[in-house]
Amino acid sequence: MNEYEQDDPIPQGDLALQLTALPRETNGFGDIYGGWLVSQMDLAGTAMASRVAGGRVATVSIDRMAFMVPVAVGAQLSFYTQTLEVGRSSIRMLVEVWSDDPLSSEWRKVTEAVFVFVAIDGSGRTRPVPPRR
């Protein structure tokens, strides 16, 4: 078990995005593509990191990624974000994805990753993250 996993897991952080897994995002077996899921995690993380940064951010890395269970078409996905650390210009954020499977009514954690974002200005250059109030 790593530092973010729990014995009896519940979503960590704030709800940033909810959507339904559609057939166009599936492979031939009816499971959602992992790459599509990562891109949605990036959207959710970017939305929350831009709030922390008070403006534009860019994704600079994904520290780690762990898929726990496949996601079937039709699943309702909830993306939760939790700010782990704010540096001078960077924001480290945990992004978790939870699934509510309409066929089984099972609520379960699908995946998690730690994203690192950097605050940037209008020219694409790194800028400081404003102090939290």
N, C-alpha and C. Protein backbone atom coordinates (compact mmCIF):
# COMPACT_ATOMS: atom_id res chain seq x y z
N MET A 1 0.85 -1.17 0.00
CA MET A 1 0.00 0.00 0.00
C MET A 1 0.90 1.24 0.00
N ASN A 2 0.59 2.18 -0.88
CA ASN A 2 1.41 3.39 -0.92
C ASN A 2 0.79 4.47 -0.05
N GLU A 3 1.43 5.64 -0.01
CA GLU A 3 1.00 6.70 0.89
C GLU A 3 -0.39 7.26 0.58
N TYR A 4 -0.92 7.04 -0.63
CA TYR A 4 -2.22 7.60 -1.00
C TYR A 4 -3.35 6.59 -0.87
N GLU A 5 -3.03 5.30 -0.86
CA GLU A 5 -4.05 4.27 -0.75
C GLU A 5 -4.47 4.11 0.70
N GLN A 6 -5.70 3.64 0.90
CA GLN A 6 -6.25 3.47 2.23
C GLN A 6 -6.86 2.08 2.34
N ASP A 7 -7.06 1.61 3.58
CA ASP A 7 -7.70 0.31 3.79
C ASP A 7 -9.15 0.34 3.32
N ASP A 8 -9.87 1.38 3.67
CA ASP A 8 -11.27 1.53 3.28
C ASP A 8 -11.37 2.82 2.49
N PRO A 9 -11.06 2.76 1.19
CA PRO A 9 -10.90 4.01 0.43
C PRO A 9 -12.19 4.80 0.23
N ILE A 10 -12.03 6.10 0.31
CA ILE A 10 -13.07 7.05 -0.06
C ILE A 10 -12.37 8.11 -0.91
N PRO A 11 -13.10 8.79 -1.76
CA PRO A 11 -12.46 9.82 -2.60
C PRO A 11 -11.76 10.87 -1.76
N GLN A 12 -10.56 11.26 -2.22
CA GLN A 12 -9.77 12.29 -1.54
C GLN A 12 -9.88 13.59 -2.33
N GLY A 13 -10.11 14.68 -1.65
CA GLY A 13 -10.12 15.97 -2.31
C GLY A 13 -11.48 16.42 -2.77
N ASP A 14 -11.47 17.27 -3.80
CA ASP A 14 -12.68 17.91 -4.31
C ASP A 14 -13.10 17.31 -5.64
N LEU A 15 -14.41 17.21 -5.85
CA LEU A 15 -14.92 16.75 -7.12
C LEU A 15 -14.63 17.81 -8.18
N ALA A 16 -13.92 17.40 -9.25
CA ALA A 16 -13.52 18.35 -10.29
C ALA A 16 -14.22 18.09 -11.61
N LEU A 17 -14.68 16.85 -11.84
CA LEU A 17 -15.27 16.51 -13.14
C LEU A 17 -16.10 15.24 -12.98
N GLN A 18 -17.24 15.18 -13.68
CA GLN A 18 -18.04 13.96 -13.75
C GLN A 18 -18.46 13.76 -15.19
N LEU A 19 -18.39 12.51 -15.65
CA LEU A 19 -18.84 12.21 -17.01
C LEU A 19 -19.16 10.74 -17.14
N THR A 20 -19.79 10.39 -18.26
CA THR A 20 -20.15 9.02 -18.56
C THR A 20 -19.19 8.46 -19.60
N ALA A 21 -18.70 7.25 -19.37
CA ALA A 21 -17.81 6.59 -20.32
C ALA A 21 -18.65 6.12 -21.52
N LEU A 22 -18.37 6.68 -22.69
CA LEU A 22 -19.16 6.43 -23.90
C LEU A 22 -18.49 5.38 -24.80
N PRO A 23 -19.27 4.77 -25.69
CA PRO A 23 -18.71 3.73 -26.58
C PRO A 23 -17.54 4.19 -27.44
N ARG A 24 -17.50 5.45 -27.83
CA ARG A 24 -16.41 5.92 -28.70
C ARG A 24 -15.06 5.90 -27.99
N GLU A 25 -15.04 5.79 -26.66
CA GLU A 25 -13.79 5.74 -25.90
C GLU A 25 -13.39 4.32 -25.51
N THR A 26 -13.98 3.31 -26.16
CA THR A 26 -13.70 1.94 -25.75
C THR A 26 -12.90 1.16 -26.79
N ASN A 27 -12.25 0.12 -26.29
CA ASN A 27 -11.56 -0.82 -27.18
C ASN A 27 -12.56 -1.89 -27.63
N GLY A 28 -12.09 -2.88 -28.34
CA GLY A 28 -12.96 -3.93 -28.86
C GLY A 28 -13.61 -4.79 -27.79
N PHE A 29 -13.13 -4.72 -26.57
CA PHE A 29 -13.69 -5.51 -25.48
C PHE A 29 -14.71 -4.72 -24.66
N GLY A 30 -14.93 -3.46 -25.03
CA GLY A 30 -15.90 -2.63 -24.31
C GLY A 30 -15.33 -1.93 -23.09
N ASP A 31 -14.01 -1.95 -22.94
CA ASP A 31 -13.36 -1.24 -21.83
C ASP A 31 -12.84 0.10 -22.32
N ILE A 32 -12.84 1.08 -21.43
CA ILE A 32 -12.37 2.42 -21.76
C ILE A 32 -10.85 2.41 -21.95
N TYR A 33 -10.38 3.13 -22.97
CA TYR A 33 -8.94 3.27 -23.21
C TYR A 33 -8.29 3.99 -22.03
N GLY A 34 -7.16 3.48 -21.58
CA GLY A 34 -6.42 4.11 -20.50
C GLY A 34 -5.95 5.50 -20.86
N GLY A 35 -5.52 5.69 -22.09
CA GLY A 35 -5.05 7.00 -22.53
C GLY A 35 -6.14 8.05 -22.48
N TRP A 36 -7.36 7.66 -22.84
CA TRP A 36 -8.49 8.58 -22.77
C TRP A 36 -8.73 8.98 -21.31
N LEU A 37 -8.65 7.98 -20.42
CA LEU A 37 -8.88 8.26 -19.01
C LEU A 37 -7.81 9.21 -18.46
N VAL A 38 -6.56 9.02 -18.87
CA VAL A 38 -5.49 9.91 -18.43
C VAL A 38 -5.74 11.34 -18.93
N SER A 39 -6.23 11.48 -20.16
CA SER A 39 -6.48 12.83 -20.67
C SER A 39 -7.60 13.52 -19.89
N GLN A 40 -8.60 12.77 -19.44
CA GLN A 40 -9.67 13.35 -18.63
C GLN A 40 -9.15 13.73 -17.24
N MET A 41 -8.23 12.92 -16.72
CA MET A 41 -7.60 13.24 -15.44
C MET A 41 -6.81 14.55 -15.56
N ASP A 42 -6.14 14.71 -16.69
CA ASP A 42 -5.37 15.93 -16.93
C ASP A 42 -6.29 17.14 -16.98
N LEU A 43 -7.45 17.00 -17.62
CA LEU A 43 -8.43 18.09 -17.66
C LEU A 43 -8.90 18.47 -16.25
N ALA A 44 -9.23 17.46 -15.45
CA ALA A 44 -9.70 17.71 -14.09
C ALA A 44 -8.61 18.37 -13.26
N GLY A 45 -7.39 17.85 -13.36
CA GLY A 45 -6.28 18.41 -12.61
C GLY A 45 -5.95 19.83 -13.04
N THR A 46 -5.98 20.07 -14.35
CA THR A 46 -5.70 21.41 -14.87
C THR A 46 -6.72 22.42 -14.36
N ALA A 47 -7.99 22.03 -14.33
CA ALA A 47 -9.04 22.93 -13.85
C ALA A 47 -8.77 23.36 -12.41
N MET A 48 -8.41 22.40 -11.57
CA MET A 48 -8.18 22.73 -10.17
C MET A 48 -6.84 23.43 -9.96
N ALA A 49 -5.80 23.01 -10.69
CA ALA A 49 -4.49 23.66 -10.55
C ALA A 49 -4.55 25.11 -11.01
N SER A 50 -5.35 25.40 -12.02
CA SER A 50 -5.45 26.79 -12.49
C SER A 50 -6.12 27.67 -11.44
N ARG A 51 -6.99 27.10 -10.64
CA ARG A 51 -7.59 27.85 -9.53
C ARG A 51 -6.53 28.17 -8.48
N VAL A 52 -5.73 27.17 -8.14
CA VAL A 52 -4.66 27.37 -7.16
C VAL A 52 -3.66 28.39 -7.67
N ALA A 53 -3.33 28.29 -8.96
CA ALA A 53 -2.32 29.17 -9.56
C ALA A 53 -2.86 30.54 -9.91
N GLY A 54 -4.16 30.69 -9.88
CA GLY A 54 -4.75 31.97 -10.25
C GLY A 54 -4.57 32.29 -11.73
N GLY A 55 -4.59 31.28 -12.56
CA GLY A 55 -4.44 31.49 -14.00
C GLY A 55 -3.93 30.25 -14.71
N ARG A 56 -3.31 30.50 -15.83
CA ARG A 56 -2.88 29.44 -16.76
C ARG A 56 -1.82 28.53 -16.12
N VAL A 57 -1.97 27.22 -16.37
CA VAL A 57 -0.99 26.22 -15.94
C VAL A 57 -0.71 25.27 -17.10
N ALA A 58 0.40 24.57 -17.00
CA ALA A 58 0.74 23.53 -17.96
C ALA A 58 1.13 22.28 -17.19
N THR A 59 0.76 21.13 -17.73
CA THR A 59 1.15 19.85 -17.13
C THR A 59 2.61 19.59 -17.49
N VAL A 60 3.42 19.30 -16.47
CA VAL A 60 4.84 19.03 -16.75
C VAL A 60 5.21 17.58 -16.50
N SER A 61 4.45 16.87 -15.65
CA SER A 61 4.76 15.46 -15.44
C SER A 61 3.61 14.76 -14.75
N ILE A 62 3.66 13.45 -14.87
CA ILE A 62 2.79 12.57 -14.10
C ILE A 62 3.74 11.69 -13.31
N ASP A 63 3.76 11.88 -11.99
CA ASP A 63 4.73 11.18 -11.14
C ASP A 63 4.53 9.68 -11.15
N ARG A 64 3.29 9.24 -11.12
CA ARG A 64 3.02 7.80 -11.13
C ARG A 64 1.58 7.58 -11.55
N MET A 65 1.32 6.41 -12.04
CA MET A 65 -0.02 6.07 -12.52
C MET A 65 -0.31 4.64 -12.09
N ALA A 66 -1.49 4.39 -11.60
CA ALA A 66 -1.87 3.05 -11.19
C ALA A 66 -3.33 2.80 -11.58
N PHE A 67 -3.56 1.84 -12.48
CA PHE A 67 -4.92 1.43 -12.82
C PHE A 67 -5.29 0.24 -11.94
N MET A 68 -6.43 0.33 -11.26
CA MET A 68 -6.83 -0.74 -10.35
C MET A 68 -7.84 -1.70 -10.96
N VAL A 69 -8.78 -1.15 -11.74
CA VAL A 69 -9.83 -1.97 -12.36
C VAL A 69 -10.17 -1.39 -13.73
N PRO A 70 -10.65 -2.22 -14.66
CA PRO A 70 -11.09 -1.66 -15.96
C PRO A 70 -12.38 -0.88 -15.80
N VAL A 71 -12.64 0.00 -16.76
CA VAL A 71 -13.87 0.81 -16.77
C VAL A 71 -14.70 0.38 -17.97
N ALA A 72 -15.92 -0.04 -17.73
CA ALA A 72 -16.82 -0.47 -18.79
C ALA A 72 -17.59 0.71 -19.36
N VAL A 73 -18.00 0.59 -20.61
CA VAL A 73 -18.82 1.61 -21.23
C VAL A 73 -20.08 1.82 -20.40
N GLY A 74 -20.49 3.07 -20.26
CA GLY A 74 -21.68 3.40 -19.47
C GLY A 74 -21.40 3.75 -18.02
N ALA A 75 -20.19 3.50 -17.56
CA ALA A 75 -19.85 3.81 -16.17
C ALA A 75 -19.87 5.33 -15.97
N GLN A 76 -20.34 5.74 -14.81
CA GLN A 76 -20.32 7.15 -14.43
C GLN A 76 -19.00 7.39 -13.71
N LEU A 77 -18.19 8.28 -14.23
CA LEU A 77 -16.87 8.54 -13.67
C LEU A 77 -16.84 9.86 -12.92
N SER A 78 -16.22 9.84 -11.75
CA SER A 78 -16.05 11.04 -10.93
C SER A 78 -14.56 11.23 -10.70
N PHE A 79 -14.07 12.45 -10.97
CA PHE A 79 -12.66 12.79 -10.87
C PHE A 79 -12.47 13.72 -9.68
N TYR A 80 -11.67 13.30 -8.72
CA TYR A 80 -11.40 14.08 -7.51
C TYR A 80 -9.95 14.54 -7.52
N THR A 81 -9.72 15.76 -7.06
CA THR A 81 -8.37 16.30 -7.01
C THR A 81 -8.05 16.79 -5.60
N GLN A 82 -6.80 16.62 -5.23
CA GLN A 82 -6.33 17.08 -3.93
C GLN A 82 -4.95 17.69 -4.12
N THR A 83 -4.79 18.94 -3.74
CA THR A 83 -3.49 19.60 -3.82
C THR A 83 -2.58 19.02 -2.75
N LEU A 84 -1.44 18.48 -3.18
CA LEU A 84 -0.49 17.87 -2.26
C LEU A 84 0.60 18.84 -1.83
N GLU A 85 1.03 19.69 -2.78
CA GLU A 85 2.13 20.60 -2.48
C GLU A 85 2.10 21.76 -3.48
N VAL A 86 2.37 22.95 -2.98
CA VAL A 86 2.49 24.13 -3.84
C VAL A 86 3.90 24.68 -3.65
N GLY A 87 4.63 24.75 -4.75
CA GLY A 87 5.98 25.32 -4.72
C GLY A 87 5.95 26.75 -5.21
N ARG A 88 7.11 27.27 -5.57
CA ARG A 88 7.18 28.64 -6.07
C ARG A 88 6.34 28.81 -7.33
N SER A 89 6.46 27.89 -8.27
CA SER A 89 5.68 27.97 -9.51
C SER A 89 4.98 26.66 -9.85
N SER A 90 5.17 25.63 -9.03
CA SER A 90 4.60 24.32 -9.33
C SER A 90 3.51 23.93 -8.35
N ILE A 91 2.65 23.04 -8.82
CA ILE A 91 1.56 22.50 -8.01
C ILE A 91 1.54 20.99 -8.22
N ARG A 92 1.69 20.26 -7.14
CA ARG A 92 1.63 18.79 -7.17
C ARG A 92 0.23 18.39 -6.73
N MET A 93 -0.46 17.61 -7.57
CA MET A 93 -1.86 17.31 -7.31
C MET A 93 -2.18 15.84 -7.52
N LEU A 94 -2.86 15.25 -6.53
CA LEU A 94 -3.36 13.89 -6.65
C LEU A 94 -4.68 13.95 -7.41
N VAL A 95 -4.82 13.11 -8.43
CA VAL A 95 -6.08 13.00 -9.17
C VAL A 95 -6.54 11.55 -9.08
N GLU A 96 -7.74 11.36 -8.54
CA GLU A 96 -8.34 10.03 -8.41
C GLU A 96 -9.56 9.95 -9.31
N VAL A 97 -9.81 8.75 -9.83
CA VAL A 97 -11.01 8.51 -10.62
C VAL A 97 -11.80 7.39 -9.94
N TRP A 98 -13.08 7.65 -9.76
CA TRP A 98 -14.00 6.68 -9.15
C TRP A 98 -15.10 6.37 -10.15
N SER A 99 -15.56 5.13 -10.12
CA SER A 99 -16.58 4.67 -11.06
C SER A 99 -17.82 4.21 -10.32
N ASP A 100 -18.95 4.62 -10.86
CA ASP A 100 -20.25 4.13 -10.38
C ASP A 100 -20.83 3.33 -11.54
N ASP A 101 -20.65 2.02 -11.49
CA ASP A 101 -21.09 1.14 -12.58
C ASP A 101 -22.61 0.98 -12.52
N PRO A 102 -23.33 1.42 -13.58
CA PRO A 102 -24.80 1.37 -13.55
C PRO A 102 -25.35 -0.06 -13.54
N LEU A 103 -24.61 -1.03 -14.03
CA LEU A 103 -25.10 -2.41 -14.06
C LEU A 103 -24.97 -3.10 -12.70
N SER A 104 -23.89 -2.82 -11.99
CA SER A 104 -23.67 -3.49 -10.71
C SER A 104 -23.93 -2.58 -9.52
N SER A 105 -24.09 -1.29 -9.76
CA SER A 105 -24.24 -0.28 -8.70
C SER A 105 -23.03 -0.28 -7.77
N GLU A 106 -21.89 -0.70 -8.29
CA GLU A 106 -20.67 -0.75 -7.48
C GLU A 106 -19.90 0.56 -7.61
N TRP A 107 -19.51 1.13 -6.47
CA TRP A 107 -18.71 2.36 -6.40
C TRP A 107 -17.30 1.93 -6.07
N ARG A 108 -16.36 2.24 -6.97
CA ARG A 108 -14.99 1.79 -6.74
C ARG A 108 -13.98 2.74 -7.34
N LYS A 109 -12.80 2.70 -6.76
CA LYS A 109 -11.69 3.51 -7.25
C LYS A 109 -11.10 2.82 -8.47
N VAL A 110 -10.94 3.60 -9.54
CA VAL A 110 -10.45 3.07 -10.81
C VAL A 110 -8.95 3.29 -10.96
N THR A 111 -8.51 4.50 -10.68
CA THR A 111 -7.11 4.84 -10.89
C THR A 111 -6.76 6.09 -10.11
N GLU A 112 -5.48 6.35 -10.02
CA GLU A 112 -4.99 7.58 -9.42
C GLU A 112 -3.63 7.89 -10.02
N ALA A 113 -3.27 9.16 -9.96
CA ALA A 113 -1.96 9.60 -10.41
C ALA A 113 -1.64 10.91 -9.73
N VAL A 114 -0.35 11.20 -9.64
CA VAL A 114 0.09 12.49 -9.13
C VAL A 114 0.59 13.31 -10.32
N PHE A 115 -0.10 14.41 -10.57
CA PHE A 115 0.24 15.31 -11.68
C PHE A 115 1.02 16.49 -11.11
N VAL A 116 1.97 17.00 -11.89
CA VAL A 116 2.68 18.21 -11.53
C VAL A 116 2.38 19.25 -12.61
N PHE A 117 1.89 20.39 -12.17
CA PHE A 117 1.57 21.50 -13.05
C PHE A 117 2.50 22.66 -12.72
N VAL A 118 2.73 23.51 -13.70
CA VAL A 118 3.52 24.72 -13.46
C VAL A 118 2.70 25.91 -13.93
N ALA A 119 2.72 26.97 -13.12
CA ALA A 119 2.02 28.20 -13.48
C ALA A 119 2.82 28.91 -14.57
N ILE A 120 2.12 29.36 -15.61
CA ILE A 120 2.80 30.05 -16.70
C ILE A 120 2.08 31.36 -17.03
N ASP A 121 2.84 32.28 -17.59
CA ASP A 121 2.26 33.58 -17.96
C ASP A 121 1.77 33.53 -19.41
N GLY A 122 1.32 34.65 -19.92
CA GLY A 122 0.79 34.74 -21.27
C GLY A 122 1.79 34.40 -22.35
N SER A 123 3.08 34.47 -22.03
CA SER A 123 4.14 34.15 -23.00
C SER A 123 4.61 32.71 -22.88
N GLY A 124 3.97 31.94 -21.96
CA GLY A 124 4.37 30.56 -21.77
C GLY A 124 5.57 30.37 -20.86
N ARG A 125 5.94 31.43 -20.15
CA ARG A 125 7.08 31.35 -19.22
C ARG A 125 6.57 31.08 -17.80
N THR A 126 7.40 30.40 -17.05
CA THR A 126 7.06 30.10 -15.67
C THR A 126 6.85 31.39 -14.88
N ARG A 127 5.84 31.36 -14.01
CA ARG A 127 5.56 32.50 -13.13
C ARG A 127 5.30 31.97 -11.73
N PRO A 128 5.43 32.81 -10.73
CA PRO A 128 5.17 32.36 -9.35
C PRO A 128 3.67 32.11 -9.13
N VAL A 129 3.37 31.14 -8.28
CA VAL A 129 2.00 30.91 -7.83
C VAL A 129 1.73 31.94 -6.73
N PRO A 130 0.60 32.68 -6.85
CA PRO A 130 0.32 33.68 -5.81
C PRO A 130 0.10 33.01 -4.45
N PRO A 131 0.42 33.70 -3.36
CA PRO A 131 0.22 33.14 -2.03
C PRO A 131 -1.27 32.83 -1.80
N ARG A 132 -1.50 31.76 -1.05
CA ARG A 132 -2.88 31.38 -0.70
C ARG A 132 -3.43 32.34 0.33
N ARG A 133 -4.72 32.61 0.21
CA ARG A 133 -5.39 33.49 1.18
C ARG A 133 -6.16 32.70 2.17
